């Protein structure tokens, strides 16, 4: 992921995969993918994107541990989708 656009495309693909497959099929491979994207957002200076991804990771871990509900994850997925839709094709942060 060498450019902001690459990071955005990878994140969009990951979110589509989560939404289509559902959280029941979310596994450690998907978590690692999100962590790689989070690191890439930091490298690209996408601080808001990194915060949103890290919040999603924390929510997913919290649900896995039984400390939170799926609603928490849904809210974070919606926030990331909004972020992507409003930054796609630009390098500006919200």
Protein backbone atom coordinates (compact mmCIF):
# COMPACT_ATOMS: atom_id res chain seq x y z
CA UNK A 1 0.00 0.00 0.00
CA UNK A 2 2.14 2.77 -1.35
CA UNK A 3 -0.40 5.56 -1.77
CA UNK A 4 -3.38 6.98 0.06
CA UNK A 5 -5.58 5.65 -2.72
CA UNK A 6 -4.14 2.14 -2.25
CA UNK A 7 -4.92 2.31 1.47
CA UNK A 8 -8.44 3.55 0.80
CA UNK A 9 -9.07 0.80 -1.74
CA UNK A 10 -7.74 -1.88 0.60
CA UNK A 11 -9.87 -0.58 3.47
CA UNK A 12 -12.94 -0.43 1.25
CA UNK A 13 -12.36 -4.03 0.14
CA UNK A 14 -11.91 -5.17 3.73
CA UNK A 15 -15.11 -3.45 4.88
CA UNK A 16 -17.08 -4.94 2.00
CA UNK A 17 -15.78 -8.36 2.99
CA UNK A 18 -16.82 -7.86 6.60
CA UNK A 19 -20.26 -6.63 5.60
CA UNK A 20 -20.92 -9.39 3.08
CA UNK A 21 -19.53 -12.31 5.10
CA UNK A 22 -20.79 -11.09 8.44
CA UNK A 23 -19.03 -10.84 11.73
CA UNK A 24 -19.53 -14.51 12.50
CA UNK A 25 -16.88 -15.34 9.91
CA UNK A 26 -14.46 -12.65 11.10
CA UNK A 27 -11.22 -14.39 12.05
CA UNK A 28 -7.61 -13.68 12.99
CA UNK A 29 -6.64 -13.34 9.31
CA UNK A 30 -9.14 -10.50 8.91
CA UNK A 31 -7.92 -8.90 12.12
CA UNK A 32 -4.34 -8.99 10.85
CA UNK A 33 -5.49 -7.38 7.62
CA UNK A 34 -7.15 -4.55 9.56
CA UNK A 35 -3.98 -4.08 11.62
CA UNK A 36 -1.88 -3.86 8.42
CA UNK A 37 -4.28 -1.27 7.01
CA UNK A 38 -4.11 0.66 10.28
CA UNK A 39 -0.32 0.75 10.05
CA UNK A 40 -0.55 1.85 6.41
CA UNK A 41 -2.91 4.70 7.31
CA UNK A 42 -0.37 5.92 9.85
CA UNK A 43 2.40 5.75 7.24
CA UNK A 44 0.26 7.78 4.82
CA UNK A 45 -0.59 10.42 7.43
CA UNK A 46 -4.25 9.41 7.55
CA UNK A 47 -4.64 10.01 11.27
CA UNK A 48 -8.44 10.05 11.35
CA UNK A 49 -8.59 6.82 9.34
CA UNK A 50 -6.15 5.18 11.74
CA UNK A 51 -8.25 6.21 14.75
CA UNK A 52 -11.40 4.80 13.16
CA UNK A 53 -9.73 1.51 12.23
CA UNK A 54 -8.20 1.16 15.69
CA UNK A 55 -11.65 1.80 17.23
CA UNK A 56 -13.10 -0.96 15.03
CA UNK A 57 -10.33 -3.36 16.07
CA UNK A 58 -10.97 -2.57 19.74
CA UNK A 59 -14.71 -3.09 19.29
CA UNK A 60 -14.16 -6.43 17.53
CA UNK A 61 -11.87 -7.59 20.33
CA UNK A 62 -14.39 -6.44 22.92
CA UNK A 63 -17.20 -8.41 21.26
CA UNK A 64 -14.95 -11.46 20.99
CA UNK A 65 -14.25 -11.22 24.74
CA UNK A 66 -17.96 -10.85 25.51
CA UNK A 67 -17.55 -7.34 26.86
CA UNK A 68 -19.58 -5.56 24.16
CA UNK A 69 -22.32 -6.12 21.61
CA UNK A 70 -22.40 -6.27 17.84
CA UNK A 71 -24.02 -2.82 17.81
CA UNK A 72 -20.69 -1.36 18.87
CA UNK A 73 -19.03 -2.90 15.82
CA UNK A 74 -21.84 -1.77 13.52
CA UNK A 75 -21.44 1.83 14.62
CA UNK A 76 -17.71 1.72 13.89
CA UNK A 77 -18.26 0.09 10.49
CA UNK A 78 -20.70 2.87 9.63
CA UNK A 79 -18.19 5.52 10.73
CA UNK A 80 -15.45 3.96 8.59
CA UNK A 81 -17.78 3.72 5.60
CA UNK A 82 -18.68 7.40 6.01
CA UNK A 83 -14.99 8.28 6.27
CA UNK A 84 -14.19 6.38 3.08
CA UNK A 85 -17.05 7.89 1.11
CA UNK A 86 -15.96 11.38 2.08
CA UNK A 87 -12.23 10.98 1.53
CA UNK A 88 -12.19 8.70 -1.52
CA UNK A 89 -10.20 10.29 -4.31
CA UNK A 90 -8.64 12.94 -2.11
CA UNK A 91 -5.84 13.11 0.38
CA UNK A 92 -7.74 15.42 2.70
CA UNK A 93 -8.70 14.25 6.13
CA UNK A 94 -12.12 14.86 7.62
